[in-house]
Amino acid sequence: MEQRKHWWNGKWGRSARKDVYLRVSGDQWYVEQRAGGAEGVSHFFEYSSEEDALNTVRMLLAAPGDWRELSVRPPAR
């Protein structure tokens, strides 16, 4: 699975931090909504098109917060 994008709500601390990830594997697109940092709770959404996945990302990023896109490292070769 390849991670394409990552957004963060700009808040520190387990109770305040939220992340949204966009990933792809073959023809399937995945959105992960995580609350609470690395040890937090995640909800997953699966789509057959990038457009549908991005619609969910846009909806999730409409939540309050200073959302910013974080860099994604290119895959190792």
Protein backbone atom coordinates (compact mmCIF):
# COMPACT_ATOMS: atom_id res chain seq x y z
CA MET A 1 0.00 0.00 0.00
CA GLU A 2 1.35 3.41 -0.98
CA GLN A 3 0.63 6.51 1.06
CA ARG A 4 -0.16 9.43 -1.24
CA LYS A 5 -1.11 12.26 1.15
CA HIS A 6 -1.24 13.06 4.86
CA TRP A 7 -3.02 15.94 6.60
CA TRP A 8 -2.79 16.99 10.25
CA ASN A 9 -5.09 19.32 12.21
CA GLY A 10 -2.14 21.25 13.69
CA LYS A 11 -2.83 20.27 17.28
CA TRP A 12 -0.43 18.51 19.64
CA GLY A 13 -1.41 16.06 22.29
CA ARG A 14 -3.15 12.75 22.24
CA SER A 15 -6.62 14.14 22.94
CA ALA A 16 -6.46 16.90 20.29
CA ARG A 17 -4.45 15.51 17.37
CA LYS A 18 -6.24 14.30 14.24
CA ASP A 19 -4.75 12.94 11.02
CA VAL A 20 -6.19 12.02 7.63
CA TYR A 21 -4.31 9.73 5.22
CA LEU A 22 -4.91 8.95 1.55
CA ARG A 23 -3.48 5.62 0.36
CA VAL A 24 -3.71 3.45 -2.73
CA SER A 25 -3.16 -0.22 -3.44
CA GLY A 26 -3.74 -1.37 -6.99
CA ASP A 27 -7.17 -0.03 -8.01
CA GLN A 28 -8.38 0.50 -4.43
CA TRP A 29 -8.19 3.84 -2.61
CA TYR A 30 -8.22 4.13 1.16
CA VAL A 31 -8.84 7.02 3.53
CA GLU A 32 -7.85 6.72 7.18
CA GLN A 33 -9.20 9.15 9.77
CA ARG A 34 -7.16 8.89 12.98
CA ALA A 35 -7.76 10.63 16.31
CA GLY A 36 -5.16 10.60 19.07
CA GLY A 37 -1.85 10.27 17.24
CA ALA A 38 0.03 7.06 16.49
CA GLU A 39 -1.66 5.15 19.32
CA GLY A 40 -5.09 6.60 18.56
CA VAL A 41 -8.29 5.22 17.09
CA SER A 42 -8.74 4.98 13.32
CA HIS A 43 -11.71 4.74 10.99
CA PHE A 44 -11.12 3.42 7.48
CA PHE A 45 -12.96 4.08 4.22
CA GLU A 46 -12.41 2.11 0.99
CA TYR A 47 -13.17 3.34 -2.54
CA SER A 48 -12.81 2.17 -6.12
CA SER A 49 -11.85 5.65 -7.40
CA GLU A 50 -9.49 8.42 -6.36
CA GLU A 51 -12.26 10.99 -6.85
CA ASP A 52 -14.54 9.27 -4.32
CA ALA A 53 -11.68 9.01 -1.82
CA LEU A 54 -10.81 12.70 -2.26
CA ASN A 55 -14.46 13.66 -1.69
CA THR A 56 -14.25 11.98 1.71
CA VAL A 57 -10.92 13.70 2.44
CA ARG A 58 -12.48 17.10 1.65
CA MET A 59 -15.40 16.33 3.97
CA LEU A 60 -13.05 15.29 6.79
CA LEU A 61 -10.84 18.38 6.36
CA ALA A 62 -13.92 20.61 6.71
CA ALA A 63 -13.79 19.83 10.46
CA PRO A 64 -12.39 22.57 12.71
CA GLY A 65 -8.62 22.78 12.87
CA ASP A 66 -5.61 24.35 11.20
CA TRP A 67 -5.38 21.53 8.66
CA ARG A 68 -2.10 21.28 6.76
CA GLU A 69 -0.71 18.77 4.33
CA LEU A 70 2.44 17.03 5.51
CA SER A 71 5.15 15.75 3.18
CA VAL A 72 5.08 12.14 2.16
CA ARG A 73 8.44 10.49 1.55
CA PRO A 74 8.82 8.80 -1.81
CA PRO A 75 8.98 5.01 -1.66
CA ALA A 76 12.45 3.49 -1.20
CA ARG A 77 13.96 2.01 -4.35
